[in-house]
Protein backbone atom coordinates (compact mmCIF):
# COMPACT_ATOMS: atom_id res chain seq x y z
CA UNK A 1 -7.12 35.13 10.77
CA UNK A 2 -4.59 37.17 9.00
CA UNK A 3 -3.40 36.53 5.41
CA UNK A 4 -0.07 35.20 6.93
CA UNK A 5 -1.80 32.70 9.29
CA UNK A 6 -3.98 31.53 6.29
CA UNK A 7 -0.71 31.04 4.21
CA UNK A 8 0.86 28.95 6.98
CA UNK A 9 -2.34 26.91 7.47
CA UNK A 10 -2.46 26.23 3.76
CA UNK A 11 1.17 25.13 3.70
CA UNK A 12 0.39 22.74 6.61
CA UNK A 13 -2.56 21.23 4.65
CA UNK A 14 -0.41 20.80 1.56
CA UNK A 15 2.41 19.14 3.64
CA UNK A 16 -0.25 16.73 5.22
CA UNK A 17 -1.62 15.76 1.78
CA UNK A 18 1.87 15.34 0.45
CA UNK A 19 2.67 13.09 3.48
CA UNK A 20 -0.35 10.89 2.61
CA UNK A 21 0.38 10.81 -0.99
CA UNK A 22 3.97 9.90 -0.40
CA UNK A 23 2.93 7.12 1.78
CA UNK A 24 0.73 5.68 -1.02
CA UNK A 25 3.71 6.14 -3.47
CA UNK A 26 5.91 4.40 -1.01
CA UNK A 27 3.72 1.25 -0.88
CA UNK A 28 3.27 1.21 -4.59
CA UNK A 29 6.89 1.67 -5.48
CA UNK A 30 8.05 -0.83 -2.77
CA UNK A 31 5.71 -3.46 -4.10
CA UNK A 32 6.88 -2.90 -7.65
CA UNK A 33 10.64 -2.87 -6.63
CA UNK A 34 10.19 -6.03 -4.53
CA UNK A 35 8.65 -7.81 -7.44
CA UNK A 36 11.95 -7.52 -9.28
CA UNK A 37 14.60 -10.15 -8.62
CA UNK A 38 17.38 -9.18 -6.37
CA UNK A 39 15.72 -6.44 -4.45
CA UNK A 40 14.66 -6.65 -0.70
CA UNK A 41 13.20 -4.60 2.04
CA UNK A 42 15.96 -2.69 3.97
CA UNK A 43 13.81 -1.71 6.94
CA UNK A 44 13.75 -4.57 9.30
CA UNK A 45 10.51 -3.76 10.86
CA UNK A 46 8.78 -3.70 7.31
CA UNK A 47 10.65 -6.90 6.30
CA UNK A 48 9.13 -8.61 9.39
CA UNK A 49 5.70 -7.27 8.64
CA UNK A 50 6.10 -8.36 4.98
CA UNK A 51 7.07 -11.89 6.13
CA UNK A 52 4.25 -12.32 8.65
CA UNK A 53 1.42 -10.33 7.10
CA UNK A 54 2.01 -11.23 3.39
CA UNK A 55 0.26 -9.10 0.80
CA UNK A 56 -1.49 -6.83 3.36
CA UNK A 57 1.94 -5.91 4.75
CA UNK A 58 1.01 -2.28 4.41
CA UNK A 59 -1.89 -2.30 6.90
CA UNK A 60 0.19 -1.58 9.94
CA UNK A 61 1.86 1.30 8.00
CA UNK A 62 -1.62 2.72 7.05
CA UNK A 63 -2.56 2.64 10.68
CA UNK A 64 0.63 4.36 11.77
CA UNK A 65 0.15 7.08 9.18
CA UNK A 66 -3.50 7.45 10.27
CA UNK A 67 -2.40 7.89 13.82
CA UNK A 68 0.21 10.42 12.81
CA UNK A 69 -2.21 12.32 10.72
CA UNK A 70 -4.60 12.44 13.52
CA UNK A 71 -2.02 13.81 15.90
CA UNK A 72 -0.62 16.45 13.55
CA UNK A 73 -3.22 19.23 14.53
CA UNK A 74 -1.95 19.11 18.04
CA UNK A 75 1.65 19.51 17.18
CA UNK A 76 2.47 23.26 17.31
CA UNK A 77 5.82 23.08 15.53
CA UNK A 78 5.91 22.29 11.67
CA UNK A 79 9.37 20.91 11.43
CA UNK A 80 8.34 17.31 12.45
CA UNK A 81 5.87 17.14 9.41
CA UNK A 82 8.55 18.90 7.18
CA UNK A 83 11.03 16.18 8.16
CA UNK A 84 8.50 13.42 7.68
CA UNK A 85 7.73 14.68 4.09
CA UNK A 86 11.39 15.02 3.25
CA UNK A 87 12.08 11.42 4.53
CA UNK A 88 9.37 10.00 2.38
CA UNK A 89 10.51 12.00 -0.67
CA UNK A 90 13.93 10.26 -0.20
CA UNK A 91 12.32 6.92 0.35
CA UNK A 92 10.10 7.13 -2.70
CA UNK A 93 13.02 8.52 -4.77
CA UNK A 94 15.17 5.47 -3.67
CA UNK A 95 12.43 3.18 -4.55
CA UNK A 96 12.00 4.60 -7.95
CA UNK A 97 15.61 3.80 -8.78
CA UNK A 98 14.71 0.21 -8.78
CA UNK A 99 11.65 0.36 -10.96
């Protein structure tokens, strides 16, 4: 492996770990924001999950993230991962506004 290939591989790993960390931050900030009066979940799928799964609403999200993380090595292009990381940065930033 060349130095350039190692650098790309390292960036991919950082992006994967960032995606996982942002997912945890999303769950934590969502729980915290929803505990305050006047806040609600905007994502209808997650609102449905919260209504029917209660305090373990995040389990389907963890399963989906686990599936996504398992399939990432088979995706040749990096842009889907970078889009997902950017998307979760925006979600966590938005949640943080309500803390």
